[in-house]
């Protein structure tokens, strides 16, 4: 697990072992096949990336973010993150969609505070960290180092 309080941007790689069907607040129903869900967010408040990721992985909390609706149905696999002082979530969301053959399972997911189509992506196979890292270095100027942390947190469902 991440251990410091640095602020930054993160990607959670989540795996659904069976079809996901859940109501996501006012957005509607997320209904997608088993596979990998990629959630892109930023954490510039108290506790930084470590606290935000820990909160997302805790299945026993009140629903606050869109991801809280999905989290009971998935298992966390990895977290990719940077402690860059600049918020990268919007750049990463656009970039991720262009780099990987991904789909948007529910428009508006995780991006009620911006103009992105979604901050949640679906892939049938695990995305490759090295592909994203290399493409970010080429496409996004002045980005800090990108890190990868394996999570593999179990799930009861």
Protein backbone atom coordinates (compact mmCIF):
# COMPACT_ATOMS: atom_id res chain seq x y z
CA UNK A 1 0.00 0.00 0.00
CA UNK A 2 1.06 3.56 -0.52
CA UNK A 3 2.45 4.97 2.69
CA UNK A 4 3.11 8.69 2.37
CA UNK A 5 0.72 11.66 2.30
CA UNK A 6 1.83 13.08 -1.04
CA UNK A 7 -0.85 14.52 -3.26
CA UNK A 8 -1.19 13.46 -6.88
CA UNK A 9 -3.10 11.65 -9.59
CA UNK A 10 -3.86 7.93 -9.67
CA UNK A 11 -5.33 5.12 -11.73
CA UNK A 12 -6.98 2.16 -10.06
CA UNK A 13 -7.03 -1.08 -12.05
CA UNK A 14 -10.03 -3.09 -10.88
CA UNK A 15 -11.13 -6.54 -12.02
CA UNK A 16 -14.67 -7.88 -12.16
CA UNK A 17 -14.79 -11.67 -12.16
CA UNK A 18 -18.40 -11.65 -13.37
CA UNK A 19 -20.78 -9.28 -15.10
CA UNK A 20 -21.32 -6.00 -13.21
CA UNK A 21 -24.78 -4.53 -12.90
CA UNK A 22 -25.26 -1.74 -10.38
CA UNK A 23 -27.12 1.52 -10.01
CA UNK A 24 -24.75 4.50 -9.88
CA UNK A 25 -26.72 7.30 -8.27
CA UNK A 26 -28.33 9.65 -10.79
CA UNK A 27 -26.06 8.44 -13.60
CA UNK A 28 -28.10 5.30 -14.11
CA UNK A 29 -27.19 1.64 -14.39
CA UNK A 30 -23.69 0.40 -15.07
CA UNK A 31 -24.12 -2.91 -16.88
CA UNK A 32 -20.88 -4.36 -18.27
CA UNK A 33 -19.20 -7.73 -18.72
CA UNK A 34 -16.49 -9.20 -16.55
CA UNK A 35 -13.09 -7.68 -17.20
CA UNK A 36 -11.02 -4.71 -16.11
CA UNK A 37 -12.31 -1.34 -15.00
CA UNK A 38 -9.90 1.55 -14.94
CA UNK A 39 -10.74 4.50 -12.71
CA UNK A 40 -8.74 7.73 -12.97
CA UNK A 41 -8.79 10.25 -10.14
CA UNK A 42 -6.78 12.80 -8.24
CA UNK A 43 -6.13 13.33 -4.55
CA UNK A 44 -5.01 16.80 -3.55
CA UNK A 45 -6.71 16.88 -0.14
CA UNK A 46 -5.50 15.65 3.27
CA UNK A 47 -3.72 12.30 3.12
CA UNK A 48 -3.06 12.54 -0.61
CA UNK A 49 -3.06 9.54 -2.94
CA UNK A 50 -2.49 6.97 -0.17
CA UNK A 51 -5.55 8.05 1.83
CA UNK A 52 -7.80 8.29 -1.23
CA UNK A 53 -6.82 4.88 -2.57
CA UNK A 54 -7.22 3.32 0.88
CA UNK A 55 -10.69 4.84 1.14
CA UNK A 56 -11.67 3.55 -2.32
CA UNK A 57 -10.54 0.05 -1.36
CA UNK A 58 -12.45 0.06 1.93
CA UNK A 59 -15.76 -1.64 1.14
CA UNK A 60 -17.39 -0.58 4.43
CA UNK A 61 -18.06 3.11 4.00
CA UNK A 62 -20.94 5.32 3.02
CA UNK A 63 -21.45 6.01 -0.66
CA UNK A 64 -19.87 9.35 -1.61
CA UNK A 65 -18.13 8.98 -4.99
CA UNK A 66 -19.33 7.18 -8.12
CA UNK A 67 -16.61 4.58 -7.54
CA UNK A 68 -18.28 3.63 -4.23
CA UNK A 69 -21.15 2.08 -6.20
CA UNK A 70 -18.79 -0.10 -8.25
CA UNK A 71 -16.27 -1.09 -5.56
CA UNK A 72 -18.31 -3.97 -4.04
CA UNK A 73 -18.26 -5.75 -7.41
CA UNK A 74 -14.55 -5.57 -8.23
CA UNK A 75 -11.15 -6.56 -6.90
CA UNK A 76 -8.32 -4.03 -6.87
CA UNK A 77 -5.30 -5.20 -8.85
CA UNK A 78 -2.96 -2.25 -9.21
CA UNK A 79 -2.57 1.46 -8.62
CA UNK A 80 -0.59 3.64 -11.03
CA UNK A 81 0.18 7.09 -9.65
CA UNK A 82 2.28 10.21 -9.75
CA UNK A 83 3.00 12.81 -7.11
CA UNK A 84 3.07 15.50 -9.76
CA UNK A 85 1.93 18.86 -8.35
CA UNK A 86 -0.33 19.33 -11.36
CA UNK A 87 -3.65 17.45 -11.58
CA UNK A 88 -3.29 14.96 -14.42
CA UNK A 89 -6.63 13.14 -14.23
CA UNK A 90 -8.22 14.92 -17.19
CA UNK A 91 -5.12 14.52 -19.38
CA UNK A 92 -4.83 10.89 -18.33
CA UNK A 93 -8.51 10.20 -19.05
CA UNK A 94 -8.22 11.53 -22.61
CA UNK A 95 -4.86 9.84 -23.05
CA UNK A 96 -5.97 6.46 -21.69
CA UNK A 97 -8.93 6.36 -24.06
CA UNK A 98 -6.61 7.03 -27.02
CA UNK A 99 -3.83 4.61 -26.02
CA UNK A 100 -5.91 1.56 -25.16
CA UNK A 101 -8.82 -0.02 -27.00
CA UNK A 102 -11.13 0.86 -24.13
CA UNK A 103 -14.84 1.49 -23.79
CA UNK A 104 -16.77 3.90 -21.59
CA UNK A 105 -19.16 1.75 -19.56
CA UNK A 106 -21.11 4.73 -18.15
CA UNK A 107 -20.84 8.31 -19.39
CA UNK A 108 -20.20 10.88 -16.67
CA UNK A 109 -18.69 8.37 -14.22
CA UNK A 110 -16.23 10.07 -11.87
CA UNK A 111 -16.23 13.35 -13.74
CA UNK A 112 -19.12 15.39 -12.41
CA UNK A 113 -16.67 18.25 -11.79
CA UNK A 114 -15.20 18.42 -15.31
CA UNK A 115 -16.00 18.13 -19.01
CA UNK A 116 -14.51 14.67 -19.59
CA UNK A 117 -16.82 11.98 -20.99
CA UNK A 118 -15.84 9.60 -18.20
CA UNK A 119 -13.09 8.74 -15.74
CA UNK A 120 -14.05 5.05 -15.87
CA UNK A 121 -12.91 2.79 -18.68
CA UNK A 122 -13.49 -0.86 -19.49
CA UNK A 123 -11.03 -3.31 -21.04
CA UNK A 124 -11.41 -7.04 -21.51
CA UNK A 125 -7.71 -7.55 -20.68
CA UNK A 126 -5.36 -6.00 -18.12
CA UNK A 127 -3.78 -2.77 -19.45
CA UNK A 128 0.01 -2.66 -19.61
CA UNK A 129 1.70 -0.20 -17.29
CA UNK A 130 4.77 0.16 -19.52
CA UNK A 131 2.63 1.11 -22.51
CA UNK A 132 0.84 3.84 -20.55
CA UNK A 133 4.04 5.09 -18.90
CA UNK A 134 5.93 5.35 -22.19
CA UNK A 135 3.06 7.03 -24.02
CA UNK A 136 2.59 9.55 -21.17
CA UNK A 137 6.24 10.50 -21.28
CA UNK A 138 5.91 11.21 -24.99
CA UNK A 139 2.52 12.96 -24.91
CA UNK A 140 2.38 14.87 -21.61
CA UNK A 141 5.07 17.49 -21.06
CA UNK A 142 6.76 17.87 -17.69
CA UNK A 143 4.98 14.98 -15.98
CA UNK A 144 6.68 13.57 -12.88
CA UNK A 145 7.59 9.90 -12.52
CA UNK A 146 4.79 7.37 -12.83
CA UNK A 147 4.77 4.61 -10.20
CA UNK A 148 3.05 1.23 -10.03
CA UNK A 149 1.86 -0.60 -6.93
CA UNK A 150 0.26 -4.05 -6.94
CA UNK A 151 -2.76 -4.19 -4.64
CA UNK A 152 -4.68 -7.45 -5.09
CA UNK A 153 -7.28 -6.94 -2.42
CA UNK A 154 -9.88 -9.69 -2.02
CA UNK A 155 -13.62 -9.25 -2.28
CA UNK A 156 -16.56 -11.22 -0.87
CA UNK A 157 -18.84 -10.90 -3.91
